[in-house]
């Protein structure tokens, strides 16, 4: 069950949002909590569980109380509370406490306003995803997946009654659980519907256009390291001479891209001392500011199938070969699982995020009268 809950929460990371009409980058807090705020923390002073006020707030309103309507869709308290409580829990985890006051400035708004904006934005994205998926995704397949996941979770946790108890411990009603489960499954299915599974419906022209807009290049390189503590001047000179010999061989076939690429790969696989070669066998896809300056300057000076001169960096001696973008190449790594992300998947993810952001901005928000003066401060400390 915990794994599935984690998947639901992962949606907020995948969406990379913090508010309707804004990305996380645009509204990220720019101020740290002050020392005074830290000292005021009730949890820090008493040693009590800092999440007690958050847990107690679950019952502040009836589960079916309407908090807001998004594009005419009612968002009920149990759904809103789950998003809000998880963000507050994350703050408590990162800071080690919950502040008594949420009036601290976080870049032009109070922390209270910021957190509510995050929660609203997350729910806007869920609504937009579900709205725009109509007619594009297989609703029956999504329902089957949800049923299968629910049955597996119940079986793994002692039955449905025990499962519901576990949900309650995480601040989830079954209704809210189903809502976020549907949003998560739809989020995945909709990207596949728009761009093909793994981005495979994207054309090379679309990939080239996007990577050019982002200022990305793709380069392979051969590296002989010279930054070891035991490297002598003689060792460095020998490494340079070896690389110059490789470069001479490569230049001899430089007018034939196919032969050049083949020979470059042979030398790279046999002699390169770049530890990243294992993860990035297709070369690096990168933009400006991501590599050491000498490497970057050499890469961006090349045209596709262009061969660099010998490049010296703090790591050692490099020979670069710039290559065109191709579908199927490893362009990035998942930082949590270290699974490779192919170029078309990376482009599809980025295009999808842009599309989602546009949809999110279009969602109309109307707070219900009962929540017109709602604040986190009142919820946690003034009930």
Protein backbone atom coordinates (compact mmCIF):
# COMPACT_ATOMS: atom_id res chain seq x y z
CA UNK A 1 0.00 0.00 0.00
CA UNK A 2 2.75 2.44 0.89
CA UNK A 3 4.28 1.95 -2.57
CA UNK A 4 1.00 2.92 -4.25
CA UNK A 5 0.58 5.94 -2.00
CA UNK A 6 4.11 6.99 -2.96
CA UNK A 7 3.10 6.71 -6.60
CA UNK A 8 0.20 9.04 -5.99
CA UNK A 9 2.46 11.57 -4.33
CA UNK A 10 4.96 11.23 -7.15
CA UNK A 11 2.42 12.92 -9.39
CA UNK A 12 3.12 16.23 -7.69
CA UNK A 13 6.81 15.86 -8.48
CA UNK A 14 6.15 14.85 -12.07
CA UNK A 15 3.89 17.82 -12.57
CA UNK A 16 6.55 20.17 -11.16
CA UNK A 17 3.96 22.72 -10.21
CA UNK A 18 3.31 25.00 -7.36
CA UNK A 19 0.24 26.96 -8.41
CA UNK A 20 -2.37 27.49 -11.09
CA UNK A 21 -0.71 29.49 -13.82
CA UNK A 22 2.80 29.12 -12.44
CA UNK A 23 5.59 26.63 -12.35
CA UNK A 24 7.52 25.59 -9.30
CA UNK A 25 10.52 27.53 -10.55
CA UNK A 26 8.48 30.73 -10.81
CA UNK A 27 7.15 30.61 -7.25
CA UNK A 28 9.81 28.75 -5.29
CA UNK A 29 10.34 30.27 -1.85
CA UNK A 30 13.32 32.60 -1.81
CA UNK A 31 13.59 33.11 1.96
CA UNK A 32 14.58 30.67 4.66
CA UNK A 33 12.57 30.61 7.91
CA UNK A 34 14.10 33.01 10.40
CA UNK A 35 15.81 32.01 13.61
CA UNK A 36 12.94 33.62 15.50
CA UNK A 37 10.45 31.46 13.63
CA UNK A 38 12.48 28.36 14.40
CA UNK A 39 12.57 29.21 18.08
CA UNK A 40 8.80 29.60 18.10
CA UNK A 41 8.24 26.06 16.89
CA UNK A 42 6.05 24.26 19.40
CA UNK A 43 7.36 20.90 18.30
CA UNK A 44 10.95 22.00 18.73
CA UNK A 45 10.33 23.40 22.22
CA UNK A 46 8.33 20.48 23.55
CA UNK A 47 9.84 17.55 21.68
CA UNK A 48 6.33 16.59 20.55
CA UNK A 49 5.50 15.17 17.15
CA UNK A 50 5.58 18.28 14.89
CA UNK A 51 2.85 16.74 12.74
CA UNK A 52 0.27 16.56 15.53
CA UNK A 53 -1.46 19.80 14.45
CA UNK A 54 -1.57 18.53 10.86
CA UNK A 55 -3.04 15.17 11.85
CA UNK A 56 -5.61 16.81 14.11
CA UNK A 57 -6.68 19.12 11.28
CA UNK A 58 -7.99 16.17 9.24
CA UNK A 59 -11.29 16.42 11.10
CA UNK A 60 -11.54 20.20 11.06
CA UNK A 61 -14.28 20.00 8.41
CA UNK A 62 -16.64 17.27 7.18
CA UNK A 63 -15.03 15.10 4.50
CA UNK A 64 -17.63 16.22 1.96
CA UNK A 65 -17.35 19.94 2.68
CA UNK A 66 -16.81 21.81 -0.59
CA UNK A 67 -13.54 23.77 -0.41
CA UNK A 68 -13.49 25.14 -3.97
CA UNK A 69 -14.72 24.49 -7.45
CA UNK A 70 -12.25 24.11 -10.30
CA UNK A 71 -13.81 24.45 -13.73
CA UNK A 72 -17.08 23.71 -12.01
CA UNK A 73 -15.79 20.53 -10.34
CA UNK A 74 -16.18 20.44 -6.57
CA UNK A 75 -13.05 19.78 -4.54
CA UNK A 76 -14.04 18.29 -1.19
CA UNK A 77 -12.25 18.63 2.11
CA UNK A 78 -10.83 15.10 2.21
CA UNK A 79 -9.21 15.65 -1.19
CA UNK A 80 -7.93 19.14 -0.39
CA UNK A 81 -6.67 18.12 3.05
CA UNK A 82 -4.60 15.27 1.66
CA UNK A 83 -2.68 17.58 -0.69
CA UNK A 84 -2.27 20.24 1.99
CA UNK A 85 -1.17 17.80 4.69
CA UNK A 86 1.45 16.20 2.51
CA UNK A 87 3.03 19.54 1.69
CA UNK A 88 2.99 20.50 5.38
CA UNK A 89 4.49 17.13 6.27
CA UNK A 90 7.25 17.72 3.75
CA UNK A 91 8.03 21.09 5.34
CA UNK A 92 8.15 19.48 8.78
CA UNK A 93 10.43 16.74 7.47
CA UNK A 94 12.84 19.18 5.83
CA UNK A 95 12.89 21.73 8.66
CA UNK A 96 12.49 19.32 11.56
CA UNK A 97 9.48 21.23 12.87
CA UNK A 98 6.41 23.18 11.84
CA UNK A 99 6.59 26.91 12.55
CA UNK A 100 3.97 28.41 14.84
CA UNK A 101 3.63 31.31 12.44
CA UNK A 102 3.17 30.98 8.69
CA UNK A 103 3.57 34.71 8.08
CA UNK A 104 7.25 34.41 7.12
CA UNK A 105 7.96 35.88 3.70
CA UNK A 106 8.79 33.44 0.91
CA UNK A 107 9.32 35.74 -2.02
CA UNK A 108 6.50 38.25 -2.08
CA UNK A 109 3.90 36.16 -0.27
CA UNK A 110 3.52 34.60 3.14
CA UNK A 111 4.33 30.94 3.67
CA UNK A 112 0.61 30.47 4.37
CA UNK A 113 -0.33 31.91 0.99
CA UNK A 114 2.40 30.00 -0.76
CA UNK A 115 1.39 26.59 0.60
CA UNK A 116 -2.28 27.16 -0.23
CA UNK A 117 -1.24 28.22 -3.71
CA UNK A 118 0.75 25.00 -4.09
CA UNK A 119 -2.20 22.89 -3.01
CA UNK A 120 -4.56 24.75 -5.33
CA UNK A 121 -2.14 24.39 -8.23
CA UNK A 122 -1.75 20.67 -7.70
CA UNK A 123 -5.50 20.20 -7.74
CA UNK A 124 -5.82 22.46 -10.79
CA UNK A 125 -3.43 20.13 -12.55
CA UNK A 126 -5.41 17.05 -11.57
CA UNK A 127 -8.60 18.63 -12.88
CA UNK A 128 -6.95 19.78 -16.12
CA UNK A 129 -5.42 16.34 -16.70
CA UNK A 130 -8.74 14.58 -16.24
CA UNK A 131 -10.60 17.11 -18.38
CA UNK A 132 -8.23 16.98 -21.33
CA UNK A 133 -7.96 13.21 -21.27
CA UNK A 134 -11.56 12.72 -22.37
CA UNK A 135 -11.66 10.82 -25.64
CA UNK A 136 -7.88 10.29 -25.65
CA UNK A 137 -7.30 7.61 -23.01
CA UNK A 138 -8.83 4.21 -22.41
CA UNK A 139 -11.01 4.86 -19.37
CA UNK A 140 -11.83 1.18 -18.99
CA UNK A 141 -8.14 0.28 -18.92
CA UNK A 142 -7.54 2.94 -16.26
CA UNK A 143 -10.44 1.60 -14.18
CA UNK A 144 -9.07 -1.94 -14.49
CA UNK A 145 -5.64 -0.81 -13.38
CA UNK A 146 -7.12 0.97 -10.38
CA UNK A 147 -9.14 -2.12 -9.41
CA UNK A 148 -6.12 -4.37 -9.77
CA UNK A 149 -3.95 -2.07 -7.68
CA UNK A 150 -6.62 -1.84 -5.01
CA UNK A 151 -7.09 -5.61 -4.84
CA UNK A 152 -3.32 -6.17 -4.64
CA UNK A 153 -2.98 -3.56 -1.90
CA UNK A 154 -5.80 -5.09 0.11
CA UNK A 155 -4.36 -8.58 -0.26
CA UNK A 156 -0.93 -7.36 0.85
CA UNK A 157 -2.27 -5.53 3.90
CA UNK A 158 -4.75 -7.94 5.47
CA UNK A 159 -7.94 -7.19 3.62
CA UNK A 160 -10.04 -4.18 2.69
CA UNK A 161 -10.84 -3.12 6.25
CA UNK A 162 -7.18 -3.10 7.19
CA UNK A 163 -6.37 -1.26 3.98
CA UNK A 164 -8.88 1.46 4.78
CA UNK A 165 -7.33 1.83 8.23
CA UNK A 166 -3.92 2.26 6.67
CA UNK A 167 -5.31 4.89 4.31
CA UNK A 168 -6.77 6.74 7.27
CA UNK A 169 -3.34 6.77 8.93
CA UNK A 170 -2.04 8.58 5.85
CA UNK A 171 -4.94 11.04 5.95
CA UNK A 172 -6.74 9.44 3.01
CA UNK A 173 -10.38 8.51 2.58
CA UNK A 174 -11.20 5.89 -0.03
CA UNK A 175 -12.83 8.60 -2.12
CA UNK A 176 -9.73 10.80 -2.11
CA UNK A 177 -7.55 7.77 -2.76
CA UNK A 178 -9.58 6.90 -5.86
CA UNK A 179 -9.45 10.49 -7.09
CA UNK A 180 -5.67 10.70 -6.94
CA UNK A 181 -5.25 7.17 -8.25
CA UNK A 182 -7.33 8.08 -11.29
CA UNK A 183 -5.40 11.33 -11.78
CA UNK A 184 -2.06 9.50 -11.60
CA UNK A 185 -3.09 6.74 -14.01
CA UNK A 186 -4.60 9.31 -16.38
CA UNK A 187 -1.48 11.46 -16.21
CA UNK A 188 0.62 8.56 -17.52
CA UNK A 189 -1.94 7.43 -20.09
CA UNK A 190 -2.47 10.93 -21.47
CA UNK A 191 1.22 11.49 -22.19
CA UNK A 192 1.30 8.18 -24.06
CA UNK A 193 -1.81 9.18 -25.99
CA UNK A 194 -0.29 12.51 -27.02
CA UNK A 195 3.26 11.41 -27.82
CA UNK A 196 3.23 7.63 -27.95
CA UNK A 197 4.55 5.29 -25.28
CA UNK A 198 7.99 6.47 -24.32
CA UNK A 199 7.62 9.39 -26.75
CA UNK A 200 7.95 7.03 -29.72
CA UNK A 201 5.34 8.89 -31.81
CA UNK A 202 7.50 12.00 -31.89
CA UNK A 203 9.24 12.59 -35.20
CA UNK A 204 12.94 13.31 -35.45
CA UNK A 205 11.97 16.75 -36.77
CA UNK A 206 10.03 17.47 -33.57
CA UNK A 207 12.97 16.29 -31.49
CA UNK A 208 15.44 18.40 -33.48
CA UNK A 209 13.18 21.44 -33.15
CA UNK A 210 12.84 21.09 -29.40
CA UNK A 211 16.52 20.39 -28.72
CA UNK A 212 17.50 23.35 -30.91
CA UNK A 213 15.10 25.61 -28.99
CA UNK A 214 16.69 24.43 -25.74
CA UNK A 215 20.21 24.97 -27.11
CA UNK A 216 21.23 21.34 -26.65
CA UNK A 217 24.02 19.50 -28.42
CA UNK A 218 25.11 15.87 -28.42
CA UNK A 219 28.76 14.90 -28.16
CA UNK A 220 30.82 11.79 -27.61
CA UNK A 221 34.32 12.18 -26.31
CA UNK A 222 37.48 10.23 -25.70
CA UNK A 223 39.14 11.14 -22.40
CA UNK A 224 42.52 10.34 -20.95
CA UNK A 225 42.69 11.53 -17.35
CA UNK A 226 45.59 13.62 -16.09
CA UNK A 227 44.19 14.76 -12.76
CA UNK A 228 45.37 11.84 -10.66
CA UNK A 229 47.51 12.58 -7.63
CA UNK A 230 50.26 10.28 -8.92
CA UNK A 231 50.40 11.81 -12.42
CA UNK A 232 53.84 13.16 -13.30
CA UNK A 233 54.66 15.63 -16.03
CA UNK A 234 56.01 12.69 -18.04
CA UNK A 235 52.69 10.83 -17.61
CA UNK A 236 50.77 13.87 -18.81
CA UNK A 237 53.04 14.30 -21.81
CA UNK A 238 52.57 10.64 -22.70
CA UNK A 239 48.80 10.98 -22.45
CA UNK A 240 48.88 14.01 -24.70
CA UNK A 241 51.02 12.22 -27.27
CA UNK A 242 48.65 9.25 -27.25
CA UNK A 243 45.64 11.47 -27.79
CA UNK A 244 47.38 13.31 -30.62
CA UNK A 245 47.94 9.94 -32.30
CA UNK A 246 44.23 9.09 -31.92
CA UNK A 247 43.33 12.48 -33.34
CA UNK A 248 45.57 11.96 -36.36
CA UNK A 249 43.87 8.63 -37.11
CA UNK A 250 40.42 10.21 -36.76
CA UNK A 251 41.27 13.15 -39.00
CA UNK A 252 42.31 10.69 -41.70
CA UNK A 253 38.67 9.54 -42.04
CA UNK A 254 36.97 12.78 -41.06
CA UNK A 255 35.50 13.28 -44.55
CA UNK A 256 33.46 10.06 -44.16
CA UNK A 257 30.96 10.48 -41.27
CA UNK A 258 30.15 6.78 -41.08
CA UNK A 259 33.80 5.67 -40.90
CA UNK A 260 34.62 8.52 -38.53
CA UNK A 261 31.84 7.56 -36.13
CA UNK A 262 32.80 3.89 -36.27
CA UNK A 263 36.49 4.54 -35.55
CA UNK A 264 35.65 7.06 -32.85
CA UNK A 265 33.44 4.49 -31.11
CA UNK A 266 36.17 1.87 -31.28
CA UNK A 267 38.75 4.19 -29.72
CA UNK A 268 36.27 5.51 -27.15
CA UNK A 269 35.18 2.05 -26.02
CA UNK A 270 38.73 0.77 -25.86
CA UNK A 271 40.62 3.68 -24.33
CA UNK A 272 38.37 6.40 -22.89
CA UNK A 273 38.67 6.81 -19.13
CA UNK A 274 35.34 8.61 -18.72
CA UNK A 275 33.38 6.77 -16.00
CA UNK A 276 30.15 8.22 -17.41
CA UNK A 277 30.55 6.14 -20.56
CA UNK A 278 28.73 3.23 -18.92
CA UNK A 279 25.62 5.33 -18.33
CA UNK A 280 25.88 7.47 -21.47
CA UNK A 281 27.13 5.18 -24.25
CA UNK A 282 25.50 7.42 -26.87
CA UNK A 283 27.33 10.54 -25.75
CA UNK A 284 26.09 13.46 -23.68
CA UNK A 285 23.08 15.63 -24.53
CA UNK A 286 23.65 18.95 -22.79
CA UNK A 287 23.26 22.70 -22.89
CA UNK A 288 25.43 25.62 -21.91
CA UNK A 289 26.57 25.74 -18.31
CA UNK A 290 26.46 21.96 -17.83
CA UNK A 291 30.04 21.06 -18.71
CA UNK A 292 33.43 22.52 -17.87
CA UNK A 293 34.01 25.60 -19.98
CA UNK A 294 36.70 24.23 -22.31
CA UNK A 295 34.55 21.19 -23.10
CA UNK A 296 31.48 23.35 -23.68
CA UNK A 297 33.30 25.80 -25.94
CA UNK A 298 34.67 22.98 -28.08
CA UNK A 299 31.31 21.23 -28.36
CA UNK A 300 29.33 24.30 -29.39
CA UNK A 301 31.95 25.25 -31.98
CA UNK A 302 31.31 22.01 -33.89
CA UNK A 303 28.75 21.10 -36.51
CA UNK A 304 27.23 17.58 -36.58
CA UNK A 305 29.98 15.05 -37.29
CA UNK A 306 32.54 17.70 -36.51
CA UNK A 307 35.75 16.57 -34.83
CA UNK A 308 37.43 18.79 -32.26
CA UNK A 309 41.09 19.51 -31.78
CA UNK A 310 42.72 18.22 -28.62
CA UNK A 311 40.91 19.84 -25.67
CA UNK A 312 42.53 20.13 -22.26
CA UNK A 313 40.40 20.51 -19.12
CA UNK A 314 41.00 20.02 -15.42
CA UNK A 315 40.14 16.35 -15.99
CA UNK A 316 42.60 15.64 -18.76
CA UNK A 317 42.73 15.53 -22.57
CA UNK A 318 39.59 15.15 -24.66
CA UNK A 319 38.69 14.61 -28.28
CA UNK A 320 35.07 15.48 -29.07
CA UNK A 321 32.80 14.27 -31.84
CA UNK A 322 29.55 16.16 -32.21
CA UNK A 323 26.67 14.01 -33.44
CA UNK A 324 23.11 14.66 -34.57
CA UNK A 325 20.18 13.85 -32.32
CA UNK A 326 18.70 10.39 -32.74
CA UNK A 327 15.71 8.57 -31.30
CA UNK A 328 16.68 5.77 -28.94
CA UNK A 329 19.83 7.32 -27.51
CA UNK A 330 20.28 7.70 -23.76
CA UNK A 331 19.85 11.39 -23.03
CA UNK A 332 19.46 11.46 -19.26
CA UNK A 333 19.24 9.29 -16.16
CA UNK A 334 16.41 9.04 -13.67
CA UNK A 335 18.02 10.49 -10.56
CA UNK A 336 16.06 8.27 -8.16
CA UNK A 337 16.29 4.93 -9.99
CA UNK A 338 19.29 5.58 -12.28
CA UNK A 339 17.33 4.11 -15.15
CA UNK A 340 18.21 5.56 -18.58
CA UNK A 341 15.85 8.04 -20.21
CA UNK A 342 15.89 7.96 -23.99
CA UNK A 343 15.90 11.22 -25.92
CA UNK A 344 12.36 10.93 -27.28
CA UNK A 345 11.07 10.24 -23.76
CA UNK A 346 12.88 13.28 -22.40
CA UNK A 347 11.45 15.48 -25.16
CA UNK A 348 7.95 14.06 -24.68
CA UNK A 349 8.16 14.72 -20.93
CA UNK A 350 9.19 18.33 -21.50
CA UNK A 351 6.55 18.96 -24.17
CA UNK A 352 3.94 17.39 -21.91
CA UNK A 353 4.93 19.64 -19.01
CA UNK A 354 4.55 22.68 -21.26
CA UNK A 355 1.12 21.50 -22.40
CA UNK A 356 0.04 20.76 -18.83
CA UNK A 357 1.16 24.20 -17.68
CA UNK A 358 -0.97 25.83 -20.38
CA UNK A 359 -3.98 23.75 -19.40
CA UNK A 360 -3.43 24.52 -15.74
CA UNK A 361 -3.53 28.25 -16.39
CA UNK A 362 -6.96 27.91 -17.97
CA UNK A 363 -8.60 26.30 -14.93
CA UNK A 364 -11.09 28.63 -13.23
CA UNK A 365 -10.95 28.70 -9.43
CA UNK A 366 -13.78 29.66 -7.09
CA UNK A 367 -13.48 29.26 -3.32
CA UNK A 368 -16.63 28.28 -1.49
CA UNK A 369 -18.08 30.80 0.95
CA UNK A 370 -17.29 28.59 3.93
CA UNK A 371 -13.58 28.67 3.02
CA UNK A 372 -13.32 32.32 1.95
CA UNK A 373 -11.21 33.21 4.99
CA UNK A 374 -9.41 29.87 5.26
CA UNK A 375 -5.76 29.97 6.33
CA UNK A 376 -3.28 27.33 7.44
CA UNK A 377 -2.63 29.36 10.58
CA UNK A 378 -6.29 29.06 11.59
CA UNK A 379 -6.46 25.41 10.55
CA UNK A 380 -3.50 24.30 12.66
CA UNK A 381 -3.56 26.60 15.65
CA UNK A 382 -6.90 28.39 15.97
CA UNK A 383 -9.48 25.62 15.72
